PDB file of N, CA and C in Angstrom:
ATOM      1  N   MET A   1      23.388 109.398-145.518  1.00  0.00           N
ATOM      2  CA  MET A   1      23.697 109.844-144.182  1.00  0.00           C
ATOM      3  C   MET A   1      22.462 109.694-143.301  1.00  0.00           C
ATOM      4  N   SER A   2      22.671 109.223-142.115  1.00  0.00           N
ATOM      5  CA  SER A   2      21.539 109.033-141.219  1.00  0.00           C
ATOM      6  C   SER A   2      21.178 110.363-140.547  1.00  0.00           C
ATOM      7  N   THR A   3      19.996 110.393-140.015  1.00  0.00           N
ATOM      8  CA  THR A   3      19.510 111.584-139.318  1.00  0.00           C
ATOM      9  C   THR A   3      20.379 111.890-138.104  1.00  0.00           C
ATOM     10  N   ARG A   4      20.816 110.855-137.428  1.00  0.00           N
ATOM     11  CA  ARG A   4      21.641 111.031-136.240  1.00  0.00           C
ATOM     12  C   ARG A   4      22.964 111.730-136.574  1.00  0.00           C
ATOM     13  N   VAL A   5      23.578 111.385-137.683  1.00  0.00           N
ATOM     14  CA  VAL A   5      24.831 112.014-138.094  1.00  0.00           C
ATOM     15  C   VAL A   5      24.598 113.476-138.464  1.00  0.00           C
ATOM     16  N   ILE A   6      23.521 113.749-139.177  1.00  0.00           N
ATOM     17  CA  ILE A   6      23.218 115.129-139.572  1.00  0.00           C
ATOM     18  C   ILE A   6      22.956 115.988-138.342  1.00  0.00           C
ATOM     19  N   ILE A   7      22.209 115.462-137.387  1.00  0.00           N
ATOM     20  CA  ILE A   7      21.938 116.206-136.152  1.00  0.00           C
ATOM     21  C   ILE A   7      23.234 116.424-135.377  1.00  0.00           C
ATOM     22  N   GLY A   8      24.097 115.426-135.346  1.00  0.00           N
ATOM     23  CA  GLY A   8      25.379 115.563-134.660  1.00  0.00           C
ATOM     24  C   GLY A   8      26.261 116.632-135.280  1.00  0.00           C
ATOM     25  N   ILE A   9      26.316 116.661-136.601  1.00  0.00           N
ATOM     26  CA  ILE A   9      27.120 117.673-137.289  1.00  0.00           C
ATOM     27  C   ILE A   9      26.540 119.068-137.072  1.00  0.00           C
ATOM     28  N   ALA A  10      25.216 119.196-137.169  1.00  0.00           N
ATOM     29  CA  ALA A  10      24.578 120.495-136.950  1.00  0.00           C
ATOM     30  C   ALA A  10      24.772 120.960-135.509  1.00  0.00           C
ATOM     31  N   SER A  11      24.696 120.035-134.561  1.00  0.00           N
ATOM     32  CA  SER A  11      24.912 120.388-133.157  1.00  0.00           C
ATOM     33  C   SER A  11      26.349 120.821-132.911  1.00  0.00           C
ATOM     34  N   LEU A  12      27.292 120.139-133.545  1.00  0.00           N
ATOM     35  CA  LEU A  12      28.696 120.529-133.407  1.00  0.00           C
ATOM     36  C   LEU A  12      28.940 121.924-133.979  1.00  0.00           C
ATOM     37  N   CYS A  13      28.316 122.212-135.116  1.00  0.00           N
ATOM     38  CA  CYS A  13      28.437 123.556-135.704  1.00  0.00           C
ATOM     39  C   CYS A  13      27.824 124.609-134.787  1.00  0.00           C
ATOM     40  N   ALA A  14      26.681 124.297-134.186  1.00  0.00           N
ATOM     41  CA  ALA A  14      26.037 125.238-133.263  1.00  0.00           C
ATOM     42  C   ALA A  14      26.898 125.462-132.025  1.00  0.00           C
ATOM     43  N   ALA A  15      27.503 124.398-131.499  1.00  0.00           N
ATOM     44  CA  ALA A  15      28.358 124.520-130.323  1.00  0.00           C
ATOM     45  C   ALA A  15      29.597 125.360-130.623  1.00  0.00           C
ATOM     46  N   THR A  16      30.212 125.111-131.762  1.00  0.00           N
ATOM     47  CA  THR A  16      31.401 125.871-132.147  1.00  0.00           C
ATOM     48  C   THR A  16      31.067 127.337-132.352  1.00  0.00           C
ATOM     49  N   THR A  17      29.955 127.603-133.018  1.00  0.00           N
ATOM     50  CA  THR A  17      29.541 128.984-133.240  1.00  0.00           C
ATOM     51  C   THR A  17      29.253 129.680-131.918  1.00  0.00           C
ATOM     52  N   GLY A  18      28.574 129.001-131.013  1.00  0.00           N
ATOM     53  CA  GLY A  18      28.276 129.597-129.705  1.00  0.00           C
ATOM     54  C   GLY A  18      29.532 129.938-128.929  1.00  0.00           C
ATOM     55  N   LEU A  19      30.529 129.060-128.966  1.00  0.00           N
ATOM     56  CA  LEU A  19      31.771 129.334-128.246  1.00  0.00           C
ATOM     57  C   LEU A  19      32.548 130.488-128.873  1.00  0.00           C
ATOM     58  N   ILE A  20      32.552 130.566-130.188  1.00  0.00           N
ATOM     59  CA  ILE A  20      33.248 131.671-130.856  1.00  0.00           C
ATOM     60  C   ILE A  20      32.564 132.992-130.545  1.00  0.00           C
ATOM     61  N   VAL A  21      31.244 133.016-130.588  1.00  0.00           N
ATOM     62  CA  VAL A  21      30.500 134.251-130.288  1.00  0.00           C
ATOM     63  C   VAL A  21      30.705 134.652-128.826  1.00  0.00           C
ATOM     64  N   ALA A  22      30.663 133.687-127.911  1.00  0.00           N
ATOM     65  CA  ALA A  22      30.889 133.998-126.495  1.00  0.00           C
ATOM     66  C   ALA A  22      32.280 134.576-126.283  1.00  0.00           C
ATOM     67  N   ASN A  23      33.267 134.030-126.987  1.00  0.00           N
ATOM     68  CA  ASN A  23      34.635 134.542-126.887  1.00  0.00           C
ATOM     69  C   ASN A  23      34.738 135.964-127.436  1.00  0.00           C
ATOM     70  N   MET A  24      34.026 136.245-128.511  1.00  0.00           N
ATOM     71  CA  MET A  24      34.038 137.610-129.055  1.00  0.00           C
ATOM     72  C   MET A  24      33.429 138.596-128.064  1.00  0.00           C
ATOM     73  N   PHE A  25      32.349 138.216-127.395  1.00  0.00           N
ATOM     74  CA  PHE A  25      31.761 139.097-126.386  1.00  0.00           C
ATOM     75  C   PHE A  25      32.715 139.287-125.209  1.00  0.00           C
ATOM     76  N   LEU A  26      33.449 138.248-124.849  1.00  0.00           N
ATOM     77  CA  LEU A  26      34.426 138.370-123.773  1.00  0.00           C
ATOM     78  C   LEU A  26      35.537 139.339-124.165  1.00  0.00           C
ATOM     79  N   TYR A  27      36.004 139.263-125.415  1.00  0.00           N
ATOM     80  CA  TYR A  27      37.003 140.224-125.889  1.00  0.00           C
ATOM     81  C   TYR A  27      36.454 141.646-125.877  1.00  0.00           C
ATOM     82  N   MET A  28      35.193 141.811-126.234  1.00  0.00           N
ATOM     83  CA  MET A  28      34.595 143.153-126.200  1.00  0.00           C
ATOM     84  C   MET A  28      34.502 143.670-124.770  1.00  0.00           C
ATOM     85  N   MET A  29      34.203 142.793-123.822  1.00  0.00           N
ATOM     86  CA  MET A  29      34.166 143.218-122.416  1.00  0.00           C
ATOM     87  C   MET A  29      35.547 143.644-121.940  1.00  0.00           C
ATOM     88  N   ILE A  30      36.582 142.908-122.338  1.00  0.00           N
ATOM     89  CA  ILE A  30      37.946 143.293-121.952  1.00  0.00           C
ATOM     90  C   ILE A  30      38.282 144.656-122.531  1.00  0.00           C
ATOM     91  N   GLY A  31      37.885 144.906-123.783  1.00  0.00           N
ATOM     92  CA  GLY A  31      38.128 146.212-124.386  1.00  0.00           C
ATOM     93  C   GLY A  31      37.424 147.335-123.643  1.00  0.00           C
ATOM     94  N   GLU A  32      36.191 147.088-123.217  1.00  0.00           N
ATOM     95  CA  GLU A  32      35.459 148.107-122.462  1.00  0.00           C
ATOM     96  C   GLU A  32      36.095 148.341-121.095  1.00  0.00           C
ATOM     97  N   ILE A  33      36.549 147.278-120.443  1.00  0.00           N
ATOM     98  CA  ILE A  33      37.213 147.424-119.145  1.00  0.00           C
ATOM     99  C   ILE A  33      38.520 148.177-119.309  1.00  0.00           C
ATOM    100  N   ASN A  34      39.299 147.833-120.320  1.00  0.00           N
ATOM    101  CA  ASN A  34      40.589 148.491-120.534  1.00  0.00           C
ATOM    102  C   ASN A  34      40.424 149.963-120.880  1.00  0.00           C
ATOM    103  N   ARG A  35      39.296 150.330-121.450  1.00  0.00           N
ATOM    104  CA  ARG A  35      39.054 151.734-121.779  1.00  0.00           C
ATOM    105  C   ARG A  35      39.030 152.612-120.526  1.00  0.00           C
ATOM    106  N   LYS A  36      38.592 152.040-119.397  1.00  0.00           N
ATOM    107  CA  LYS A  36      38.506 152.807-118.156  1.00  0.00           C
ATOM    108  C   LYS A  36      39.687 152.572-117.223  1.00  0.00           C
ATOM    109  N   ARG A  37      40.649 151.782-117.626  1.00  0.00           N
ATOM    110  CA  ARG A  37      41.827 151.527-116.805  1.00  0.00           C
ATOM    111  C   ARG A  37      43.011 152.355-117.296  1.00  0.00           C
ATOM    112  N   THR A  38      44.014 152.476-116.428  1.00  0.00           N
ATOM    113  CA  THR A  38      45.239 153.167-116.823  1.00  0.00           C
ATOM    114  C   THR A  38      46.085 152.251-117.691  1.00  0.00           C
ATOM    115  N   GLU A  39      47.060 152.813-118.351  1.00  0.00           N
ATOM    116  CA  GLU A  39      47.905 152.064-119.284  1.00  0.00           C
ATOM    117  C   GLU A  39      48.699 150.958-118.583  1.00  0.00           C
ATOM    118  N   GLU A  40      49.066 151.161-117.323  1.00  0.00           N
ATOM    119  CA  GLU A  40      49.864 150.175-116.603  1.00  0.00           C
ATOM    120  C   GLU A  40      49.016 149.046-116.027  1.00  0.00           C
ATOM    121  N   ASN A  41      47.710 149.199-116.026  1.00  0.00           N
ATOM    122  CA  ASN A  41      46.834 148.268-115.322  1.00  0.00           C
ATOM    123  C   ASN A  41      45.822 147.605-116.267  1.00  0.00           C
ATOM    124  N   LEU A  42      46.210 147.330-117.497  1.00  0.00           N
ATOM    125  CA  LEU A  42      45.278 146.772-118.472  1.00  0.00           C
ATOM    126  C   LEU A  42      45.115 145.264-118.300  1.00  0.00           C
ATOM    127  N   VAL A  43      43.937 144.765-118.683  1.00  0.00           N
ATOM    128  CA  VAL A  43      43.665 143.329-118.677  1.00  0.00           C
ATOM    129  C   VAL A  43      44.195 142.751-119.985  1.00  0.00           C
ATOM    130  N   SER A  44      44.925 141.661-119.889  1.00  0.00           N
ATOM    131  CA  SER A  44      45.488 141.027-121.072  1.00  0.00           C
ATOM    132  C   SER A  44      44.404 140.277-121.844  1.00  0.00           C
ATOM    133  N   TYR A  45      44.538 140.292-123.154  1.00  0.00           N
ATOM    134  CA  TYR A  45      43.607 139.554-124.004  1.00  0.00           C
ATOM    135  C   TYR A  45      43.973 138.072-124.083  1.00  0.00           C
ATOM    136  N   PHE A  46      45.137 137.702-123.595  1.00  0.00           N
ATOM    137  CA  PHE A  46      45.617 136.326-123.715  1.00  0.00           C
ATOM    138  C   PHE A  46      45.521 135.608-122.383  1.00  0.00           C
ATOM    139  N   GLY A  47      45.362 134.316-122.438  1.00  0.00           N
ATOM    140  CA  GLY A  47      45.338 133.490-121.242  1.00  0.00           C
ATOM    141  C   GLY A  47      44.016 133.578-120.505  1.00  0.00           C
ATOM    142  N   PHE A  48      43.195 132.555-120.642  1.00  0.00           N
ATOM    143  CA  PHE A  48      41.904 132.555-119.970  1.00  0.00           C
ATOM    144  C   PHE A  48      41.837 131.403-118.989  1.00  0.00           C
ATOM    145  N   ALA A  49      41.513 131.724-117.765  1.00  0.00           N
ATOM    146  CA  ALA A  49      41.240 130.741-116.727  1.00  0.00           C
ATOM    147  C   ALA A  49      39.938 131.183-116.052  1.00  0.00           C
ATOM    148  N   PHE A  50      39.329 130.271-115.336  1.00  0.00           N
ATOM    149  CA  PHE A  50      38.038 130.581-114.735  1.00  0.00           C
ATOM    150  C   PHE A  50      38.089 131.792-113.791  1.00  0.00           C
ATOM    151  N   PRO A  51      39.110 131.923-112.913  1.00  0.00           N
ATOM    152  CA  PRO A  51      39.153 133.117-112.053  1.00  0.00           C
ATOM    153  C   PRO A  51      39.271 134.425-112.839  1.00  0.00           C
ATOM    154  N   LYS A  52      40.015 134.398-113.934  1.00  0.00           N
ATOM    155  CA  LYS A  52      40.150 135.608-114.748  1.00  0.00           C
ATOM    156  C   LYS A  52      38.811 135.966-115.391  1.00  0.00           C
ATOM    157  N   MET A  53      38.088 134.970-115.861  1.00  0.00           N
ATOM    158  CA  MET A  53      36.787 135.247-116.472  1.00  0.00           C
ATOM    159  C   MET A  53      35.804 135.781-115.440  1.00  0.00           C
ATOM    160  N   GLN A  54      35.844 135.256-114.226  1.00  0.00           N
ATOM    161  CA  GLN A  54      34.986 135.769-113.160  1.00  0.00           C
ATOM    162  C   GLN A  54      35.317 137.231-112.864  1.00  0.00           C
ATOM    163  N   ARG A  55      36.598 137.548-112.824  1.00  0.00           N
ATOM    164  CA  ARG A  55      37.032 138.919-112.560  1.00  0.00           C
ATOM    165  C   ARG A  55      36.575 139.858-113.675  1.00  0.00           C
ATOM    166  N   ILE A  56      36.656 139.403-114.925  1.00  0.00           N
ATOM    167  CA  ILE A  56      36.228 140.222-116.057  1.00  0.00           C
ATOM    168  C   ILE A  56      34.726 140.482-115.983  1.00  0.00           C
ATOM    169  N   PHE A  57      33.954 139.427-115.724  1.00  0.00           N
ATOM    170  CA  PHE A  57      32.504 139.585-115.645  1.00  0.00           C
ATOM    171  C   PHE A  57      32.109 140.510-114.503  1.00  0.00           C
ATOM    172  N   SER A  58      32.713 140.339-113.328  1.00  0.00           N
ATOM    173  CA  SER A  58      32.333 141.176-112.197  1.00  0.00           C
ATOM    174  C   SER A  58      32.769 142.625-112.395  1.00  0.00           C
ATOM    175  N   GLU A  59      33.956 142.833-112.934  1.00  0.00           N
ATOM    176  CA  GLU A  59      34.414 144.199-113.166  1.00  0.00           C
ATOM    177  C   GLU A  59      33.579 144.879-114.245  1.00  0.00           C
ATOM    178  N   TYR A  60      33.193 144.134-115.264  1.00  0.00           N
ATOM    179  CA  TYR A  60      32.341 144.714-116.308  1.00  0.00           C
ATOM    180  C   TYR A  60      31.005 145.145-115.721  1.00  0.00           C
ATOM    181  N   ARG A  61      30.412 144.313-114.858  1.00  0.00           N
ATOM    182  CA  ARG A  61      29.120 144.675-114.257  1.00  0.00           C
ATOM    183  C   ARG A  61      29.231 145.883-113.347  1.00  0.00           C
ATOM    184  N   VAL A  62      30.385 146.044-112.682  1.00  0.00           N
ATOM    185  CA  VAL A  62      30.573 147.208-111.807  1.00  0.00           C
ATOM    186  C   VAL A  62      30.756 148.474-112.635  1.00  0.00           C
ATOM    187  N   LYS A  63      31.589 148.411-113.658  1.00  0.00           N
ATOM    188  CA  LYS A  63      31.888 149.604-114.455  1.00  0.00           C
ATOM    189  C   LYS A  63      30.794 149.950-115.448  1.00  0.00           C
ATOM    190  N   TYR A  64      30.051 148.962-115.887  1.00  0.00           N
ATOM    191  CA  TYR A  64      28.975 149.192-116.853  1.00  0.00           C
ATOM    192  C   TYR A  64      27.690 148.517-116.342  1.00  0.00           C
ATOM    193  N   PRO A  65      27.012 149.133-115.375  1.00  0.00           N
ATOM    194  CA  PRO A  65      25.811 148.489-114.809  1.00  0.00           C
ATOM    195  C   PRO A  65      24.681 148.312-115.826  1.00  0.00           C
ATOM    196  N   ASP A  66      24.639 149.155-116.851  1.00  0.00           N
ATOM    197  CA  ASP A  66      23.605 149.020-117.880  1.00  0.00           C
ATOM    198  C   ASP A  66      24.099 148.244-119.093  1.00  0.00           C
ATOM    199  N   GLY A  67      25.348 147.764-119.063  1.00  0.00           N
ATOM    200  CA  GLY A  67      25.910 147.018-120.188  1.00  0.00           C
ATOM    201  C   GLY A  67      25.279 145.641-120.308  1.00  0.00           C
ATOM    202  N   ARG A  68      25.227 145.152-121.524  1.00  0.00           N
ATOM    203  CA  ARG A  68      24.591 143.866-121.779  1.00  0.00           C
ATOM    204  C   ARG A  68      25.538 142.823-122.366  1.00  0.00           C
ATOM    205  N   LEU A  69      26.803 143.169-122.519  1.00  0.00           N
ATOM    206  CA  LEU A  69      27.739 142.221-123.125  1.00  0.00           C
ATOM    207  C   LEU A  69      27.871 140.939-122.310  1.00  0.00           C
ATOM    208  N   HIS A  70      27.853 141.056-120.983  1.00  0.00           N
ATOM    209  CA  HIS A  70      27.986 139.853-120.160  1.00  0.00           C
ATOM    210  C   HIS A  70      26.768 138.948-120.308  1.00  0.00           C
ATOM    211  N   ILE A  71      25.602 139.516-120.511  1.00  0.00           N
ATOM    212  CA  ILE A  71      24.397 138.715-120.734  1.00  0.00           C
ATOM    213  C   ILE A  71      24.489 138.003-122.075  1.00  0.00           C
ATOM    214  N   TYR A  72      24.923 138.725-123.104  1.00  0.00           N
ATOM    215  CA  TYR A  72      25.058 138.116-124.431  1.00  0.00           C
ATOM    216  C   TYR A  72      26.093 136.991-124.419  1.00  0.00           C
ATOM    217  N   ALA A  73      27.190 137.187-123.682  1.00  0.00           N
ATOM    218  CA  ALA A  73      28.215 136.149-123.599  1.00  0.00           C
ATOM    219  C   ALA A  73      27.670 134.898-122.914  1.00  0.00           C
ATOM    220  N   LEU A  74      26.896 135.091-121.854  1.00  0.00           N
ATOM    221  CA  LEU A  74      26.315 133.938-121.166  1.00  0.00           C
ATOM    222  C   LEU A  74      25.290 133.214-122.031  1.00  0.00           C
ATOM    223  N   ILE A  75      24.505 133.960-122.794  1.00  0.00           N
ATOM    224  CA  ILE A  75      23.526 133.342-123.690  1.00  0.00           C
ATOM    225  C   ILE A  75      24.245 132.530-124.774  1.00  0.00           C
ATOM    226  N   ALA A  76      25.313 133.091-125.333  1.00  0.00           N
ATOM    227  CA  ALA A  76      26.069 132.375-126.362  1.00  0.00           C
ATOM    228  C   ALA A  76      26.712 131.119-125.780  1.00  0.00           C
ATOM    229  N   PHE A  77      27.217 131.214-124.551  1.00  0.00           N
ATOM    230  CA  PHE A  77      27.813 130.041-123.912  1.00  0.00           C
ATOM    231  C   PHE A  77      26.748 128.975-123.644  1.00  0.00           C
ATOM    232  N   ALA A  78      25.562 129.395-123.213  1.00  0.00           N
ATOM    233  CA  ALA A  78      24.474 128.438-122.984  1.00  0.00           C
ATOM    234  C   ALA A  78      24.069 127.756-124.290  1.00  0.00           C
ATOM    235  N   ALA A  79      24.028 128.522-125.379  1.00  0.00           N
ATOM    236  CA  ALA A  79      23.711 127.930-126.688  1.00  0.00           C
ATOM    237  C   ALA A  79      24.769 126.906-127.090  1.00  0.00           C
ATOM    238  N   ALA A  80      26.032 127.204-126.776  1.00  0.00           N
ATOM    239  CA  ALA A  80      27.107 126.260-127.081  1.00  0.00           C
ATOM    240  C   ALA A  80      26.944 124.972-126.270  1.00  0.00           C
ATOM    241  N   MET A  81      26.554 125.104-125.023  1.00  0.00           N
ATOM    242  CA  MET A  81      26.363 123.916-124.190  1.00  0.00           C
ATOM    243  C   MET A  81      25.183 123.079-124.685  1.00  0.00           C
ATOM    244  N   VAL A  82      24.131 123.718-125.156  1.00  0.00           N
ATOM    245  CA  VAL A  82      23.007 122.986-125.739  1.00  0.00           C
ATOM    246  C   VAL A  82      23.468 122.248-126.994  1.00  0.00           C
ATOM    247  N   GLY A  83      24.289 122.911-127.795  1.00  0.00           N
ATOM    248  CA  GLY A  83      24.846 122.256-128.978  1.00  0.00           C
ATOM    249  C   GLY A  83      25.701 121.051-128.613  1.00  0.00           C
ATOM    250  N   LEU A  84      26.501 121.178-127.556  1.00  0.00           N
ATOM    251  CA  LEU A  84      27.320 120.045-127.122  1.00  0.00           C
ATOM    252  C   LEU A  84      26.461 118.900-126.606  1.00  0.00           C
ATOM    253  N   LEU A  85      25.365 119.225-125.937  1.00  0.00           N
ATOM    254  CA  LEU A  85      24.449 118.170-125.509  1.00  0.00           C
ATOM    255  C   LEU A  85      23.858 117.444-126.714  1.00  0.00           C
ATOM    256  N   GLY A  86      23.601 118.193-127.787  1.00  0.00           N
ATOM    257  CA  GLY A  86      23.124 117.573-129.019  1.00  0.00           C
ATOM    258  C   GLY A  86      24.154 116.642-129.620  1.00  0.00           C
ATOM    259  N   VAL A  87      25.419 117.024-129.555  1.00  0.00           N
ATOM    260  CA  VAL A  87      26.500 116.167-130.055  1.00  0.00           C
ATOM    261  C   VAL A  87      26.573 114.897-129.229  1.00  0.00           C
ATOM    262  N   VAL A  88      26.513 115.042-127.918  1.00  0.00           N
ATOM    263  CA  VAL A  88      26.586 113.878-127.028  1.00  0.00           C
ATOM    264  C   VAL A  88      25.393 112.958-127.283  1.00  0.00           C
ATOM    265  N   ARG A  89      24.245 113.536-127.485  1.00  0.00           N
ATOM    266  CA  ARG A  89      23.034 112.741-127.788  1.00  0.00           C
ATOM    267  C   ARG A  89      23.197 112.008-129.124  1.00  0.00           C
ATOM    268  N   ALA A  90      23.742 112.692-130.105  1.00  0.00           N
ATOM    269  CA  ALA A  90      23.927 112.073-131.420  1.00  0.00           C
ATOM    270  C   ALA A  90      24.961 110.949-131.374  1.00  0.00           C
ATOM    271  N   LEU A  91      25.929 111.063-130.472  1.00  0.00           N
ATOM    272  CA  LEU A  91      26.915 110.010-130.334  1.00  0.00           C
ATOM    273  C   LEU A  91      26.374 108.791-129.577  1.00  0.00           C
ATOM    274  N   GLY A  92      25.198 108.939-128.995  1.00  0.00           N
ATOM    275  CA  GLY A  92      24.554 107.801-128.352  1.00  0.00           C
ATOM    276  C   GLY A  92      24.803 107.659-126.876  1.00  0.00           C
ATOM    277  N   PHE A  93      25.257 108.684-126.210  1.00  0.00           N
ATOM    278  CA  PHE A  93      25.517 108.600-124.768  1.00  0.00           C
ATOM    279  C   PHE A  93      24.236 108.593-123.941  1.00  0.00           C
ATOM    280  N   PHE A  94      23.147 109.119-124.496  1.00  0.00           N
ATOM    281  CA  PHE A  94      21.892 109.187-123.744  1.00  0.00           C
ATOM    282  C   PHE A  94      20.874 108.176-124.261  1.00  0.00           C
ATOM    283  N   GLY A  95      21.314 107.161-124.875  1.00  0.00           N
ATOM    284  CA  GLY A  95      20.409 106.099-125.320  1.00  0.00           C
ATOM    285  C   GLY A  95      19.884 106.219-126.670  1.00  0.00           C
TER     286      GLY A  95
END
């Protein structure tokens, strides 16, 4: 196996892990938000779109100003993007 293939596989694993961890932090934020909401007004755990994620992040920061889950989710997402850049590099898109 060449070095490029090994780096590509490791980068793909890092990207997948980062996305899974970021998703877990997002689920934890939804749980924290739902804890302070009424039963009729809960945020659903299903269906993610960019506006919904923005709403979750902003509401979490308002309700939990000292909370760090949104920071951890962003760090995990950034790590996933770095991993994806490694995959793209290993595939030869950057020369």
